[in-house]
Amino acid sequence: MAQAEPEDGDKTLTVDEMNFAVEGEVYDLVNSFEIDYYKGVFQKGYVVYANGNRGSC
């Protein structure tokens, strides 16, 4: 997933007026996406969760 112009075969998701391109094959395999913005002390950026799975390390 990227915040970019979609290529042939990509699907587009719009979240909070921002467009994200997803490869068509991935889009077909995943039932739902959750896109969040994380801002920590040392890092910041988008976090993508697929199928409601937030996972852990």
C-alpha atoms as a PDB file:
ATOM      1  CA  MET A   1       0.000   0.000   0.000  1.00  0.00           C
ATOM      2  CA  ALA A   2       1.310   3.419  -0.863  1.00  0.00           C
ATOM      3  CA  GLN A   3       0.123   6.962  -1.010  1.00  0.00           C
ATOM      4  CA  ALA A   4       0.747   7.269  -4.722  1.00  0.00           C
ATOM      5  CA  GLU A   5      -0.904   7.333  -8.100  1.00  0.00           C
ATOM      6  CA  PRO A   6      -2.461   3.934  -8.801  1.00  0.00           C
ATOM      7  CA  GLU A   7      -0.926   1.733 -11.483  1.00  0.00           C
ATOM      8  CA  ASP A   8      -2.828  -0.581 -13.805  1.00  0.00           C
ATOM      9  CA  GLY A   9      -4.730  -3.174 -11.756  1.00  0.00           C
ATOM     10  CA  ASP A  10      -4.497  -1.224  -8.475  1.00  0.00           C
ATOM     11  CA  LYS A  11      -7.494  -0.356  -6.307  1.00  0.00           C
ATOM     12  CA  THR A  12      -7.860   2.989  -4.539  1.00  0.00           C
ATOM     13  CA  LEU A  13      -8.909   3.541  -0.920  1.00  0.00           C
ATOM     14  CA  THR A  14      -9.810   6.981   0.395  1.00  0.00           C
ATOM     15  CA  VAL A  15      -9.292   7.665   4.097  1.00  0.00           C
ATOM     16  CA  ASP A  16      -9.800  11.144   5.548  1.00  0.00           C
ATOM     17  CA  GLU A  17      -9.653  12.656   2.048  1.00  0.00           C
ATOM     18  CA  MET A  18      -6.312  10.930   1.304  1.00  0.00           C
ATOM     19  CA  ASN A  19      -6.036   8.356  -1.496  1.00  0.00           C
ATOM     20  CA  PHE A  20      -4.031   5.153  -1.105  1.00  0.00           C
ATOM     21  CA  ALA A  21      -3.217   2.714  -3.912  1.00  0.00           C
ATOM     22  CA  VAL A  22      -3.418  -1.010  -3.166  1.00  0.00           C
ATOM     23  CA  GLU A  23      -2.281  -3.761  -5.515  1.00  0.00           C
ATOM     24  CA  GLY A  24      -5.360  -5.464  -6.927  1.00  0.00           C
ATOM     25  CA  GLU A  25      -4.224  -8.958  -5.841  1.00  0.00           C
ATOM     26  CA  VAL A  26      -3.715  -7.802  -2.243  1.00  0.00           C
ATOM     27  CA  TYR A  27      -7.014  -5.927  -2.210  1.00  0.00           C
ATOM     28  CA  ASP A  28      -8.830  -9.100  -3.292  1.00  0.00           C
ATOM     29  CA  LEU A  29      -7.220 -11.160  -0.484  1.00  0.00           C
ATOM     30  CA  VAL A  30      -7.856  -8.729   2.382  1.00  0.00           C
ATOM     31  CA  ASN A  31     -11.370  -8.164   3.706  1.00  0.00           C
ATOM     32  CA  SER A  32     -10.688  -4.823   5.379  1.00  0.00           C
ATOM     33  CA  PHE A  33      -7.931  -2.284   5.893  1.00  0.00           C
ATOM     34  CA  GLU A  34      -7.416   0.118   8.782  1.00  0.00           C
ATOM     35  CA  ILE A  35      -5.033   3.004   8.216  1.00  0.00           C
ATOM     36  CA  ASP A  36      -3.759   4.919  11.220  1.00  0.00           C
ATOM     37  CA  TYR A  37      -1.160   7.629  11.702  1.00  0.00           C
ATOM     38  CA  TYR A  38       1.366   6.933  14.445  1.00  0.00           C
ATOM     39  CA  LYS A  39       3.475   9.656  16.017  1.00  0.00           C
ATOM     40  CA  GLY A  40       5.918   8.527  18.666  1.00  0.00           C
ATOM     41  CA  VAL A  41       9.036   9.999  20.219  1.00  0.00           C
ATOM     42  CA  PHE A  42      11.414   8.554  17.601  1.00  0.00           C
ATOM     43  CA  GLN A  43       9.164   7.628  14.681  1.00  0.00           C
ATOM     44  CA  LYS A  44       6.061   8.697  12.871  1.00  0.00           C
ATOM     45  CA  GLY A  45       4.153   7.450   9.878  1.00  0.00           C
ATOM     46  CA  TYR A  46       1.239   5.429   8.646  1.00  0.00           C
ATOM     47  CA  VAL A  47       0.422   2.027  10.070  1.00  0.00           C
ATOM     48  CA  VAL A  48      -1.741  -0.342   8.050  1.00  0.00           C
ATOM     49  CA  TYR A  49      -3.708  -3.168   9.650  1.00  0.00           C
ATOM     50  CA  ALA A  50      -5.311  -5.874   7.503  1.00  0.00           C
ATOM     51  CA  ASN A  51      -8.491  -7.720   8.477  1.00  0.00           C
ATOM     52  CA  GLY A  52      -8.635  -5.959  11.858  1.00  0.00           C
ATOM     53  CA  ASN A  53      -5.404  -7.623  12.990  1.00  0.00           C
ATOM     54  CA  ARG A  54      -3.209  -5.192  14.878  1.00  0.00           C
ATOM     55  CA  GLY A  55      -0.657  -7.903  15.723  1.00  0.00           C
ATOM     56  CA  SER A  56       2.208  -7.529  18.167  1.00  0.00           C
ATOM     57  CA  CYS A  57       5.959  -8.069  18.301  1.00  0.00           C
END
